[in-house]
Amino acid sequence: MAETLSEVTTGRRLFEPANRELWSKGREYQLRVLKALRVENGQMARDVMLEHMQFAEKLMIQQELRVKTAVWRFLEIWMEKVKVVSVLFRKIAR
């Protein structure tokens, strides 16, 4: 599970650029889970963990969309450059 989470977050670059607020919120959830475990309240720990995972999923989806949008912008610019080079080659070939 830890390996999968690591791949999803680092492999897809979901935390770039770094988001201090996201880090802080994640830490807050983790501290709440630990507190629930210390007082042996399993239901509270499950509830906090569910809330944490729902929050994280929402933010990861938003961040992944940002990354995909940036990739599409890059590809659009790159394709325009390819078209310009293609036109130049055609002119040279004549």
C-alpha atoms as a PDB file:
ATOM      1  CA  MET A   1       0.000   0.000   0.000  1.00  0.00           C
ATOM      2  CA  ALA A   2       2.765   2.441   0.933  1.00  0.00           C
ATOM      3  CA  GLU A   3       4.577   1.678  -2.326  1.00  0.00           C
ATOM      4  CA  THR A   4       1.405   2.308  -4.324  1.00  0.00           C
ATOM      5  CA  LEU A   5       0.764   5.614  -2.567  1.00  0.00           C
ATOM      6  CA  SER A   6       4.356   6.642  -3.161  1.00  0.00           C
ATOM      7  CA  GLU A   7       4.096   5.862  -6.888  1.00  0.00           C
ATOM      8  CA  VAL A   8       0.815   7.714  -7.211  1.00  0.00           C
ATOM      9  CA  THR A   9       2.040  10.832  -5.454  1.00  0.00           C
ATOM     10  CA  THR A  10       5.621  11.035  -6.738  1.00  0.00           C
ATOM     11  CA  GLY A  11       5.263   9.293 -10.083  1.00  0.00           C
ATOM     12  CA  ARG A  12       2.443  11.564 -11.141  1.00  0.00           C
ATOM     13  CA  ARG A  13       4.060  14.600  -9.498  1.00  0.00           C
ATOM     14  CA  LEU A  14       0.843  15.373  -7.615  1.00  0.00           C
ATOM     15  CA  PHE A  15       2.568  17.447  -4.951  1.00  0.00           C
ATOM     16  CA  GLU A  16       4.445  19.751  -7.310  1.00  0.00           C
ATOM     17  CA  PRO A  17       4.577  22.578  -6.759  1.00  0.00           C
ATOM     18  CA  ALA A  18       4.812  22.006  -3.006  1.00  0.00           C
ATOM     19  CA  ASN A  19       1.674  23.023  -1.158  1.00  0.00           C
ATOM     20  CA  ARG A  20       2.329  24.027   2.460  1.00  0.00           C
ATOM     21  CA  GLU A  21      -1.383  24.206   3.281  1.00  0.00           C
ATOM     22  CA  LEU A  22      -1.939  20.672   1.942  1.00  0.00           C
ATOM     23  CA  TRP A  23       1.013  19.364   3.966  1.00  0.00           C
ATOM     24  CA  SER A  24      -0.296  21.077   7.097  1.00  0.00           C
ATOM     25  CA  LYS A  25      -3.817  19.730   6.623  1.00  0.00           C
ATOM     26  CA  GLY A  26      -2.509  16.187   6.022  1.00  0.00           C
ATOM     27  CA  ARG A  27      -0.410  16.390   9.175  1.00  0.00           C
ATOM     28  CA  GLU A  28      -3.448  17.603  11.118  1.00  0.00           C
ATOM     29  CA  TYR A  29      -5.444  14.557   9.976  1.00  0.00           C
ATOM     30  CA  GLN A  30      -2.611  12.212  10.915  1.00  0.00           C
ATOM     31  CA  LEU A  31      -2.355  13.737  14.397  1.00  0.00           C
ATOM     32  CA  ARG A  32      -6.116  13.306  14.857  1.00  0.00           C
ATOM     33  CA  VAL A  33      -5.858   9.632  13.855  1.00  0.00           C
ATOM     34  CA  LEU A  34      -3.013   9.099  16.327  1.00  0.00           C
ATOM     35  CA  LYS A  35      -5.005  10.786  19.083  1.00  0.00           C
ATOM     36  CA  ALA A  36      -7.982   8.499  18.396  1.00  0.00           C
ATOM     37  CA  LEU A  37      -5.712   5.450  18.476  1.00  0.00           C
ATOM     38  CA  ARG A  38      -4.117   6.551  21.764  1.00  0.00           C
ATOM     39  CA  VAL A  39      -7.515   6.678  23.454  1.00  0.00           C
ATOM     40  CA  GLU A  40      -8.407   3.373  21.742  1.00  0.00           C
ATOM     41  CA  ASN A  41     -11.316   4.872  19.826  1.00  0.00           C
ATOM     42  CA  GLY A  42     -11.337   2.828  16.637  1.00  0.00           C
ATOM     43  CA  GLN A  43     -14.479   4.403  15.237  1.00  0.00           C
ATOM     44  CA  MET A  44     -13.055   7.907  15.609  1.00  0.00           C
ATOM     45  CA  ALA A  45      -9.803   6.769  13.937  1.00  0.00           C
ATOM     46  CA  ARG A  46     -11.775   5.261  11.028  1.00  0.00           C
ATOM     47  CA  ASP A  47     -13.917   8.393  10.670  1.00  0.00           C
ATOM     48  CA  VAL A  48     -10.904  10.731  10.652  1.00  0.00           C
ATOM     49  CA  MET A  49      -9.029   8.483   8.209  1.00  0.00           C
ATOM     50  CA  LEU A  50     -12.032   8.396   5.865  1.00  0.00           C
ATOM     51  CA  GLU A  51     -12.299  12.185   6.030  1.00  0.00           C
ATOM     52  CA  HIS A  52      -8.554  12.452   5.371  1.00  0.00           C
ATOM     53  CA  MET A  53      -8.679  10.130   2.349  1.00  0.00           C
ATOM     54  CA  GLN A  54     -11.690  11.948   0.873  1.00  0.00           C
ATOM     55  CA  PHE A  55      -9.914  15.285   1.299  1.00  0.00           C
ATOM     56  CA  ALA A  56      -6.683  13.914  -0.197  1.00  0.00           C
ATOM     57  CA  GLU A  57      -8.502  12.327  -3.144  1.00  0.00           C
ATOM     58  CA  LYS A  58     -10.244  15.602  -3.977  1.00  0.00           C
ATOM     59  CA  LEU A  59      -6.970  17.559  -3.889  1.00  0.00           C
ATOM     60  CA  MET A  60      -5.054  14.916  -5.843  1.00  0.00           C
ATOM     61  CA  ILE A  61      -7.668  14.937  -8.595  1.00  0.00           C
ATOM     62  CA  GLN A  62      -7.430  18.732  -8.785  1.00  0.00           C
ATOM     63  CA  GLN A  63      -3.631  18.622  -8.866  1.00  0.00           C
ATOM     64  CA  GLU A  64      -3.573  15.882 -11.484  1.00  0.00           C
ATOM     65  CA  LEU A  65      -5.873  18.018 -13.637  1.00  0.00           C
ATOM     66  CA  ARG A  66      -3.414  20.921 -13.283  1.00  0.00           C
ATOM     67  CA  VAL A  67      -0.535  18.677 -14.372  1.00  0.00           C
ATOM     68  CA  LYS A  68      -2.488  17.330 -17.350  1.00  0.00           C
ATOM     69  CA  THR A  69      -3.470  20.858 -18.376  1.00  0.00           C
ATOM     70  CA  ALA A  70       0.170  21.941 -18.258  1.00  0.00           C
ATOM     71  CA  VAL A  71       1.175  18.951 -20.392  1.00  0.00           C
ATOM     72  CA  TRP A  72      -1.509  19.778 -22.962  1.00  0.00           C
ATOM     73  CA  ARG A  73      -0.311  23.394 -23.109  1.00  0.00           C
ATOM     74  CA  PHE A  74       3.253  22.194 -23.655  1.00  0.00           C
ATOM     75  CA  LEU A  75       2.132  19.838 -26.439  1.00  0.00           C
ATOM     76  CA  GLU A  76       0.128  22.581 -28.157  1.00  0.00           C
ATOM     77  CA  ILE A  77       3.163  24.892 -28.162  1.00  0.00           C
ATOM     78  CA  TRP A  78       5.422  22.078 -29.333  1.00  0.00           C
ATOM     79  CA  MET A  79       3.051  21.197 -32.197  1.00  0.00           C
ATOM     80  CA  GLU A  80       3.008  24.818 -33.336  1.00  0.00           C
ATOM     81  CA  LYS A  81       6.814  24.773 -33.459  1.00  0.00           C
ATOM     82  CA  VAL A  82       6.750  21.517 -35.424  1.00  0.00           C
ATOM     83  CA  LYS A  83       4.398  23.146 -37.954  1.00  0.00           C
ATOM     84  CA  VAL A  84       6.741  26.123 -38.349  1.00  0.00           C
ATOM     85  CA  VAL A  85       9.741  23.840 -38.869  1.00  0.00           C
ATOM     86  CA  SER A  86       7.750  21.760 -41.351  1.00  0.00           C
ATOM     87  CA  VAL A  87       6.885  24.872 -43.370  1.00  0.00           C
ATOM     88  CA  LEU A  88      10.535  25.952 -43.364  1.00  0.00           C
ATOM     89  CA  PHE A  89      11.671  22.525 -44.592  1.00  0.00           C
ATOM     90  CA  ARG A  90       9.138  22.616 -47.418  1.00  0.00           C
ATOM     91  CA  LYS A  91      10.429  26.021 -48.496  1.00  0.00           C
ATOM     92  CA  ILE A  92      14.026  24.804 -48.399  1.00  0.00           C
ATOM     93  CA  ALA A  93      13.161  21.655 -50.350  1.00  0.00           C
ATOM     94  CA  ARG A  94      11.704  23.659 -53.260  1.00  0.00           C
END
